[in-house]
Amino acid sequence: MRSDLKVHARRPSLSITAVCTIAATALAVAMGIGRFAFTPLLPLMVRDGSLAQSAGAWLAASNYLGYLAGALTAGRLGLSLPMLMRASLAGIAVATAAMGAFDGLAAWIILRFVAGVLSAYTLVATSAWALQHLTRAASANLSGIVYAGVGLGIALTGLFCVAAAQPGVPAGHLWLELGVLAALAVACSGPFVGRPLDTSALARLTSHPDVTLGPNTGVVVCYGVFGFGYILPATFLPALAREVVDDPRLFGLAWPAFGVAAALSTIATARLFGHANRLRVWAVGHLLMAAGVILPSVWLAPVTIAIAALLVGSTFMVATMIGMQEARARAPGNPTALLGLMTAAFAIGQLAGPVVAGTLDLLPIGHRTALGYALQFAAFALAFSAAYLWRHSRFGSSN
């Protein structure tokens, strides 16, 4: 033990600012590029004629299935956290660039699955690595900055696509360029990840005690509903915007607005509602999200697309943060198992979203009508879960 401490003492440690920057960058690459670059690129792929609109749901489902597989297996790999972070981020850069290098639905389905697996690995490893450092420095309140990296990555990727979506530029070129940008981000942050880190976080990560859901079943299901509810607008909002605004530079702004709202919301919520009842904050978030989800299905216009982007974007990372906090409060001694259950429920919910949309799209009702029905169903599920969370907020949710 003393020798380990001496080794760590000789190695330069990271400042809290550096920890937050590295972790936020990792989440920006994993989520903004690895998972959600497909969202602003989908309408461009459809524009190029390389992908049918209805096939978008199945590519999204492949990515979310990969995320589920990654969430279920990340803790069983036995790799150190720095190694898992670096390997996963490098793989995301390669898988992203390969979307532009290869052609055909079958190859894209495989690549989106791989990107989903690696994104889950990055999220798990980065969260454990960053929170360990923040806890040691008594700065756990800065975790909101770390998770703001998700929204920042979404916003920057969306703005890149808006700026680069020139007439005649195929979507494949943008995939290649995003892969290069991801590789540059990994190259800049990767060498610093291993300073210094012991194996305590890894031991917690690989521990899988048996879990009885019991009173936690409701919040686990609500977290799964959240995954189902937000993923439809998160996937198809730019495509809906393209139906009412023909200029790609304008309809593409829906996604950056979504990301900016997500980045700001976690910091604002932590500052303004940090001591409020968690389940009630979560319930209000689901209601606001439901309004944003259903709005484009009943009135499709530029203003409703903008409002939906703000409502959904400003609540989806808040729900993530609040859900994780609630899990830690319910299992303070060892929250890993409950966190894993909630992550799996979320992954199943977001997998179900595009599958439902794709199934409805097979009916002879038209693509827009099918997507509208899927959005309305998701909004109803979110509203129902909000009622459950509010009702049960009176029975013991801590602040």
Protein backbone atom coordinates (compact mmCIF):
# COMPACT_ATOMS: atom_id res chain seq x y z
CA MET A 1 0.00 0.00 0.00
CA ARG A 2 2.84 2.41 0.90
CA SER A 3 4.62 1.64 -2.35
CA ASP A 4 1.45 2.48 -4.28
CA LEU A 5 1.19 5.79 -2.45
CA LYS A 6 4.83 6.58 -3.25
CA VAL A 7 4.23 5.84 -6.95
CA HIS A 8 1.19 8.10 -6.94
CA ALA A 9 3.10 10.81 -5.10
CA ARG A 10 5.79 10.86 -7.80
CA ARG A 11 3.23 11.21 -10.58
CA PRO A 12 1.65 14.60 -11.33
CA SER A 13 -2.00 14.68 -10.32
CA LEU A 14 -4.79 16.34 -12.23
CA SER A 15 -6.49 19.51 -11.07
CA ILE A 16 -10.25 19.47 -10.65
CA THR A 17 -10.54 21.71 -13.70
CA ALA A 18 -8.57 19.19 -15.74
CA VAL A 19 -10.70 16.28 -14.48
CA CYS A 20 -13.92 18.05 -15.45
CA THR A 21 -12.50 19.05 -18.85
CA ILE A 22 -11.25 15.56 -19.71
CA ALA A 23 -14.45 13.85 -18.56
CA ALA A 24 -16.70 16.36 -20.33
CA THR A 25 -14.65 15.92 -23.52
CA ALA A 26 -14.97 12.14 -23.29
CA LEU A 27 -18.76 12.36 -22.87
CA ALA A 28 -18.98 14.90 -25.69
CA VAL A 29 -17.22 12.46 -28.04
CA ALA A 30 -19.12 9.40 -26.79
CA MET A 31 -22.58 10.97 -26.89
CA GLY A 32 -22.34 13.97 -29.20
CA ILE A 33 -20.55 11.99 -31.90
CA GLY A 34 -20.69 8.28 -31.05
CA ARG A 35 -24.40 8.17 -30.32
CA PHE A 36 -26.09 11.26 -31.68
CA ALA A 37 -24.17 12.44 -34.74
CA PHE A 38 -26.63 10.26 -36.63
CA THR A 39 -29.48 12.62 -35.70
CA PRO A 40 -28.37 15.70 -37.67
CA LEU A 41 -26.89 13.51 -40.40
CA LEU A 42 -30.05 11.44 -40.96
CA PRO A 43 -31.87 14.09 -43.05
CA LEU A 44 -28.69 14.65 -45.06
CA MET A 45 -28.35 10.92 -45.76
CA VAL A 46 -31.98 10.89 -46.87
CA ARG A 47 -31.31 13.96 -49.03
CA ASP A 48 -28.41 12.17 -50.71
CA GLY A 49 -30.62 9.16 -51.48
CA SER A 50 -28.25 6.81 -49.64
CA LEU A 51 -30.80 5.98 -46.93
CA ALA A 52 -34.57 5.64 -46.94
CA GLN A 53 -36.39 7.66 -44.29
CA SER A 54 -38.00 4.52 -42.84
CA ALA A 55 -34.58 2.84 -42.49
CA GLY A 56 -33.48 5.54 -40.07
CA ALA A 57 -35.48 3.94 -37.26
CA TRP A 58 -33.66 0.64 -37.68
CA LEU A 59 -30.22 2.24 -37.69
CA ALA A 60 -31.16 4.10 -34.52
CA ALA A 61 -32.46 0.88 -32.96
CA SER A 62 -29.16 -0.86 -33.78
CA ASN A 63 -27.24 1.88 -31.97
CA TYR A 64 -29.50 1.66 -28.92
CA LEU A 65 -29.28 -2.13 -28.86
CA GLY A 66 -25.51 -1.74 -28.81
CA TYR A 67 -25.83 0.73 -25.95
CA LEU A 68 -27.89 -1.81 -24.01
CA ALA A 69 -25.28 -4.50 -24.64
CA GLY A 70 -22.54 -2.14 -23.53
CA ALA A 71 -24.40 -1.12 -20.37
CA LEU A 72 -24.85 -4.78 -19.40
CA THR A 73 -21.24 -5.82 -20.05
CA ALA A 74 -19.07 -2.79 -19.19
CA GLY A 75 -18.53 -3.88 -15.60
CA ARG A 76 -17.53 -7.42 -16.58
CA LEU A 77 -14.61 -6.60 -18.87
CA GLY A 78 -12.00 -6.48 -16.11
CA LEU A 79 -10.17 -3.54 -17.72
CA SER A 80 -8.86 -0.57 -15.79
CA LEU A 81 -10.96 2.56 -16.11
CA PRO A 82 -8.32 4.57 -18.03
CA MET A 83 -7.75 1.69 -20.45
CA LEU A 84 -11.50 1.26 -21.03
CA MET A 85 -11.93 5.00 -21.60
CA ARG A 86 -9.09 5.27 -24.09
CA ALA A 87 -9.95 2.10 -26.01
CA SER A 88 -13.65 2.95 -26.25
CA LEU A 89 -13.07 6.53 -27.38
CA ALA A 90 -10.57 5.39 -30.02
CA GLY A 91 -13.09 2.82 -31.23
CA ILE A 92 -15.79 5.48 -31.48
CA ALA A 93 -13.54 7.59 -33.71
CA VAL A 94 -12.91 4.60 -36.00
CA ALA A 95 -16.58 3.53 -36.12
CA THR A 96 -17.67 7.10 -36.90
CA ALA A 97 -15.22 7.51 -39.76
CA ALA A 98 -16.18 4.07 -41.09
CA MET A 99 -19.78 5.30 -41.54
CA GLY A 100 -18.40 7.48 -44.33
CA ALA A 101 -15.95 4.94 -45.68
CA PHE A 102 -18.49 2.12 -46.11
CA ASP A 103 -21.79 2.10 -47.95
CA GLY A 104 -24.94 0.02 -47.53
CA LEU A 105 -27.52 -0.56 -44.82
CA ALA A 106 -26.00 -3.81 -43.50
CA ALA A 107 -22.59 -2.22 -42.84
CA TRP A 108 -24.18 0.83 -41.24
CA ILE A 109 -26.30 -1.31 -38.91
CA ILE A 110 -23.16 -3.09 -37.67
CA LEU A 111 -21.24 0.16 -37.23
CA ARG A 112 -24.08 1.85 -35.33
CA PHE A 113 -24.26 -1.18 -33.01
CA VAL A 114 -20.52 -1.00 -32.34
CA ALA A 115 -20.74 2.74 -31.68
CA GLY A 116 -23.55 2.10 -29.19
CA VAL A 117 -21.52 -0.50 -27.28
CA LEU A 118 -18.47 1.77 -27.11
CA SER A 119 -20.54 4.78 -26.07
CA ALA A 120 -21.91 2.84 -23.10
CA TYR A 121 -18.43 1.71 -22.14
CA THR A 122 -17.21 5.31 -22.26
CA LEU A 123 -20.10 6.59 -20.17
CA VAL A 124 -19.59 3.96 -17.45
CA ALA A 125 -15.81 4.30 -17.31
CA THR A 126 -15.79 8.10 -17.50
CA SER A 127 -18.42 8.43 -14.79
CA ALA A 128 -16.49 6.15 -12.41
CA TRP A 129 -13.17 7.83 -13.18
CA ALA A 130 -14.41 11.42 -12.86
CA LEU A 131 -16.59 10.90 -9.79
CA GLN A 132 -13.72 9.19 -7.99
CA HIS A 133 -11.50 12.24 -8.48
CA LEU A 134 -14.27 14.69 -7.61
CA THR A 135 -15.13 12.77 -4.44
CA ARG A 136 -11.49 12.74 -3.31
CA ALA A 137 -11.35 16.52 -3.79
CA ALA A 138 -14.70 17.09 -2.00
CA SER A 139 -16.04 18.57 -5.26
CA ALA A 140 -18.87 16.17 -6.08
CA ASN A 141 -21.10 19.17 -6.76
CA LEU A 142 -19.12 19.74 -9.98
CA SER A 143 -20.51 16.55 -11.54
CA GLY A 144 -23.07 18.73 -13.33
CA ILE A 145 -20.21 20.24 -15.33
CA VAL A 146 -19.01 16.78 -16.28
CA TYR A 147 -22.41 15.73 -17.58
CA ALA A 148 -22.88 19.04 -19.36
CA GLY A 149 -20.33 17.57 -21.77
CA VAL A 150 -23.12 15.48 -23.28
CA GLY A 151 -25.13 18.53 -24.29
CA LEU A 152 -22.01 20.38 -25.38
CA GLY A 153 -21.04 17.51 -27.66
CA ILE A 154 -24.52 17.40 -29.16
CA ALA A 155 -24.49 21.17 -29.76
CA LEU A 156 -21.01 21.27 -31.31
CA THR A 157 -21.71 18.26 -33.53
CA GLY A 158 -24.97 19.82 -34.67
CA LEU A 159 -23.31 23.16 -35.43
CA PHE A 160 -20.57 21.37 -37.35
CA CYS A 161 -23.16 19.61 -39.48
CA VAL A 162 -25.00 22.89 -40.11
CA ALA A 163 -21.79 24.62 -41.17
CA ALA A 164 -20.50 21.72 -43.28
CA ALA A 165 -23.82 20.76 -44.95
CA GLN A 166 -23.07 22.62 -48.16
CA PRO A 167 -24.98 21.73 -51.34
CA GLY A 168 -23.24 18.87 -53.07
CA VAL A 169 -21.32 17.75 -49.97
CA PRO A 170 -22.41 14.14 -49.24
CA ALA A 171 -23.17 13.03 -45.70
CA GLY A 172 -20.38 10.45 -45.99
CA HIS A 173 -17.79 13.23 -45.99
CA LEU A 174 -19.23 14.61 -42.76
CA TRP A 175 -19.01 11.18 -41.10
CA LEU A 176 -15.32 11.01 -42.04
CA GLU A 177 -14.65 14.51 -40.74
CA LEU A 178 -16.44 13.82 -37.46
CA GLY A 179 -14.34 10.69 -37.05
CA VAL A 180 -11.18 12.78 -37.46
CA LEU A 181 -12.45 15.34 -34.91
CA ALA A 182 -13.19 12.56 -32.44
CA ALA A 183 -9.70 11.14 -32.94
CA LEU A 184 -8.14 14.56 -32.28
CA ALA A 185 -10.14 14.95 -29.06
CA VAL A 186 -9.04 11.49 -27.91
CA ALA A 187 -5.41 12.23 -28.76
CA CYS A 188 -5.47 15.45 -26.73
CA SER A 189 -7.17 14.06 -23.60
CA GLY A 190 -6.22 10.36 -23.59
CA PRO A 191 -2.65 10.65 -22.23
CA PHE A 192 -3.90 12.44 -19.09
CA VAL A 193 -6.56 9.93 -18.10
CA GLY A 194 -4.26 7.66 -16.09
CA ARG A 195 -3.04 10.31 -13.60
CA PRO A 196 -3.25 8.91 -10.89
CA LEU A 197 -5.92 6.26 -10.31
CA ASP A 198 -6.05 3.28 -7.99
CA THR A 199 -8.20 0.16 -8.41
CA SER A 200 -10.94 0.97 -5.89
CA ALA A 201 -13.34 2.28 -8.51
CA LEU A 202 -12.73 -0.74 -10.72
CA ALA A 203 -13.51 -3.06 -7.81
CA ARG A 204 -16.86 -1.35 -7.35
CA LEU A 205 -17.48 -1.41 -11.08
CA THR A 206 -17.03 -5.17 -11.33
CA SER A 207 -19.11 -6.00 -8.27
CA HIS A 208 -22.53 -7.43 -9.10
CA PRO A 209 -24.48 -8.31 -5.96
CA ASP A 210 -27.95 -9.72 -6.27
CA VAL A 211 -30.63 -7.03 -6.30
CA THR A 212 -34.25 -7.23 -5.25
CA LEU A 213 -36.18 -4.44 -6.93
CA GLY A 214 -38.90 -4.19 -4.30
CA PRO A 215 -39.68 -0.50 -3.67
CA ASN A 216 -37.27 0.54 -6.43
CA THR A 217 -39.32 -1.01 -9.24
CA GLY A 218 -41.27 2.18 -9.85
CA VAL A 219 -38.28 4.46 -10.32
CA VAL A 220 -36.53 1.88 -12.52
CA VAL A 221 -39.60 1.68 -14.78
CA CYS A 222 -39.91 5.49 -14.85
CA TYR A 223 -36.29 5.72 -15.92
CA GLY A 224 -37.03 3.29 -18.71
CA VAL A 225 -40.05 5.40 -19.76
CA PHE A 226 -37.76 8.41 -19.84
CA GLY A 227 -35.49 6.57 -22.28
CA PHE A 228 -38.48 5.72 -24.46
CA GLY A 229 -39.93 9.22 -24.33
CA TYR A 230 -36.93 11.34 -25.17
CA ILE A 231 -35.36 9.17 -27.86
CA LEU A 232 -37.97 9.80 -30.57
CA PRO A 233 -37.49 13.59 -30.72
CA ALA A 234 -33.76 13.11 -30.09
CA THR A 235 -33.62 10.95 -33.22
CA PHE A 236 -36.13 12.58 -35.56
CA LEU A 237 -36.32 16.27 -34.60
CA PRO A 238 -34.02 17.51 -37.42
CA ALA A 239 -35.92 15.34 -39.91
CA LEU A 240 -39.20 16.92 -38.78
CA ALA A 241 -37.63 20.36 -39.02
CA ARG A 242 -36.61 19.61 -42.61
CA GLU A 243 -40.28 19.14 -43.54
CA VAL A 244 -41.12 22.74 -42.65
CA VAL A 245 -37.78 24.45 -43.40
CA ASP A 246 -36.03 23.51 -46.63
CA ASP A 247 -32.74 25.28 -45.90
CA PRO A 248 -30.46 22.73 -44.17
CA ARG A 249 -28.68 25.53 -42.31
CA LEU A 250 -31.98 26.46 -40.66
CA PHE A 251 -33.58 23.07 -40.00
CA GLY A 252 -30.24 21.82 -38.72
CA LEU A 253 -30.27 24.39 -35.91
CA ALA A 254 -32.90 22.35 -34.05
CA TRP A 255 -30.24 19.89 -32.92
CA PRO A 256 -27.66 22.42 -31.66
CA ALA A 257 -30.47 24.15 -29.73
CA PHE A 258 -31.30 20.78 -28.18
CA GLY A 259 -27.68 20.34 -27.10
CA VAL A 260 -27.24 23.84 -25.70
CA ALA A 261 -30.40 23.42 -23.62
CA ALA A 262 -29.09 20.09 -22.31
CA ALA A 263 -25.69 21.52 -21.40
CA LEU A 264 -27.11 24.50 -19.50
CA SER A 265 -29.92 22.62 -17.78
CA THR A 266 -27.77 20.35 -15.60
CA ILE A 267 -25.79 23.26 -14.17
CA ALA A 268 -28.88 25.44 -13.66
CA THR A 269 -30.86 22.65 -12.00
CA ALA A 270 -28.02 21.79 -9.63
CA ARG A 271 -27.76 25.43 -8.57
CA LEU A 272 -31.47 26.26 -8.31
CA PHE A 273 -33.06 22.98 -7.22
CA GLY A 274 -30.20 21.13 -5.56
CA HIS A 275 -32.13 20.85 -2.28
CA ALA A 276 -35.61 20.27 -3.71
CA ASN A 277 -37.43 16.94 -3.57
CA ARG A 278 -35.79 14.85 -6.29
CA LEU A 279 -38.87 12.94 -7.39
CA ARG A 280 -40.86 16.15 -7.80
CA VAL A 281 -38.12 17.75 -9.88
CA TRP A 282 -38.00 14.56 -11.94
CA ALA A 283 -41.80 14.57 -12.36
CA VAL A 284 -41.85 18.18 -13.57
CA GLY A 285 -39.07 17.31 -16.00
CA HIS A 286 -41.14 14.47 -17.44
CA LEU A 287 -44.16 16.75 -17.87
CA LEU A 288 -42.13 19.38 -19.68
CA MET A 289 -40.56 16.70 -21.83
CA ALA A 290 -44.01 15.26 -22.65
CA ALA A 291 -45.11 18.70 -23.86
CA GLY A 292 -42.06 18.97 -26.08
CA VAL A 293 -42.53 15.45 -27.44
CA ILE A 294 -46.18 15.83 -28.39
CA LEU A 295 -46.06 19.38 -29.78
CA PRO A 296 -44.64 18.60 -33.27
CA SER A 297 -47.20 15.79 -33.71
CA VAL A 298 -50.17 18.16 -33.34
CA TRP A 299 -48.70 21.29 -34.92
CA LEU A 300 -45.65 21.05 -37.16
CA ALA A 301 -44.11 24.48 -37.68
CA PRO A 302 -40.72 26.14 -37.18
CA VAL A 303 -41.82 27.61 -33.84
CA THR A 304 -43.04 24.27 -32.49
CA ILE A 305 -39.80 22.56 -33.58
CA ALA A 306 -37.83 25.21 -31.67
CA ILE A 307 -40.00 24.87 -28.56
CA ALA A 308 -39.78 21.07 -28.68
CA ALA A 309 -35.98 21.23 -28.97
CA LEU A 310 -35.79 23.48 -25.92
CA LEU A 311 -38.27 21.51 -23.81
CA VAL A 312 -36.81 18.08 -24.53
CA GLY A 313 -33.22 19.27 -24.59
CA SER A 314 -33.53 21.06 -21.25
CA THR A 315 -35.02 18.06 -19.47
CA PHE A 316 -33.34 14.91 -20.77
CA MET A 317 -30.01 15.44 -18.99
CA VAL A 318 -31.79 16.73 -15.88
CA ALA A 319 -33.77 13.48 -15.74
CA THR A 320 -30.51 11.55 -16.17
CA MET A 321 -28.82 13.43 -13.35
CA ILE A 322 -31.81 13.24 -10.98
CA GLY A 323 -32.32 9.53 -11.70
CA MET A 324 -28.71 8.72 -10.89
CA GLN A 325 -28.85 10.80 -7.71
CA GLU A 326 -32.01 8.98 -6.60
CA ALA A 327 -30.36 5.61 -7.18
CA ARG A 328 -27.35 6.61 -5.09
CA ALA A 329 -29.64 7.85 -2.30
CA ARG A 330 -31.60 4.59 -2.25
CA ALA A 331 -28.48 2.41 -2.12
CA PRO A 332 -25.79 4.58 -0.49
CA GLY A 333 -23.60 1.64 0.57
CA ASN A 334 -23.31 0.06 -2.89
CA PRO A 335 -25.37 1.77 -5.60
CA THR A 336 -23.69 -0.01 -8.51
CA ALA A 337 -26.34 -2.70 -8.92
CA LEU A 338 -29.27 -0.26 -8.85
CA LEU A 339 -27.47 2.12 -11.19
CA GLY A 340 -26.96 -0.81 -13.56
CA LEU A 341 -30.64 -1.72 -13.45
CA MET A 342 -31.68 1.83 -14.20
CA THR A 343 -29.17 2.13 -17.04
CA ALA A 344 -30.45 -1.13 -18.54
CA ALA A 345 -34.06 0.07 -18.21
CA PHE A 346 -33.13 3.32 -19.93
CA ALA A 347 -31.41 1.41 -22.74
CA ILE A 348 -34.44 -0.85 -23.23
CA GLY A 349 -36.73 2.19 -23.32
CA GLN A 350 -34.68 4.02 -25.92
CA LEU A 351 -34.39 0.84 -27.98
CA ALA A 352 -38.18 0.46 -27.91
CA GLY A 353 -38.71 4.02 -29.20
CA PRO A 354 -37.37 3.66 -32.76
CA VAL A 355 -38.67 0.08 -32.95
CA VAL A 356 -42.20 1.34 -32.23
CA ALA A 357 -41.74 4.15 -34.76
CA GLY A 358 -40.38 1.76 -37.38
CA THR A 359 -43.21 -0.73 -36.80
CA LEU A 360 -45.88 1.97 -37.14
CA ASP A 361 -44.14 3.15 -40.30
CA LEU A 362 -44.91 -0.23 -41.88
CA LEU A 363 -48.64 0.56 -41.68
CA PRO A 364 -50.29 2.24 -44.70
CA ILE A 365 -50.70 5.56 -42.88
CA GLY A 366 -47.68 7.53 -44.09
CA HIS A 367 -44.37 8.26 -42.39
CA ARG A 368 -45.39 11.53 -40.73
CA THR A 369 -48.61 10.08 -39.33
CA ALA A 370 -46.80 7.02 -38.00
CA LEU A 371 -44.17 9.17 -36.30
CA GLY A 372 -46.90 11.41 -34.89
CA TYR A 373 -48.63 8.44 -33.29
CA ALA A 374 -45.33 7.27 -31.80
CA LEU A 375 -44.66 10.73 -30.36
CA GLN A 376 -48.14 10.91 -28.83
CA PHE A 377 -47.75 7.50 -27.22
CA ALA A 378 -44.36 8.53 -25.80
CA ALA A 379 -45.85 11.76 -24.41
CA PHE A 380 -48.65 9.81 -22.71
CA ALA A 381 -46.13 7.44 -21.12
CA LEU A 382 -44.06 10.37 -19.84
CA ALA A 383 -47.13 12.05 -18.35
CA PHE A 384 -48.17 8.83 -16.62
CA SER A 385 -44.67 8.38 -15.16
CA ALA A 386 -44.70 12.01 -13.98
CA ALA A 387 -47.92 11.34 -12.07
CA TYR A 388 -46.35 8.27 -10.46
CA LEU A 389 -43.20 10.16 -9.45
CA TRP A 390 -45.16 13.07 -7.98
CA ARG A 391 -47.47 10.76 -6.03
CA HIS A 392 -44.57 8.78 -4.58
CA SER A 393 -42.54 11.90 -3.77
CA ARG A 394 -44.59 12.08 -0.55
CA PHE A 395 -43.32 8.69 0.62
CA GLY A 396 -39.69 9.14 1.49
CA SER A 397 -37.67 10.58 -1.38
CA SER A 398 -34.82 12.42 0.27
CA ASN A 399 -33.49 15.77 -0.83
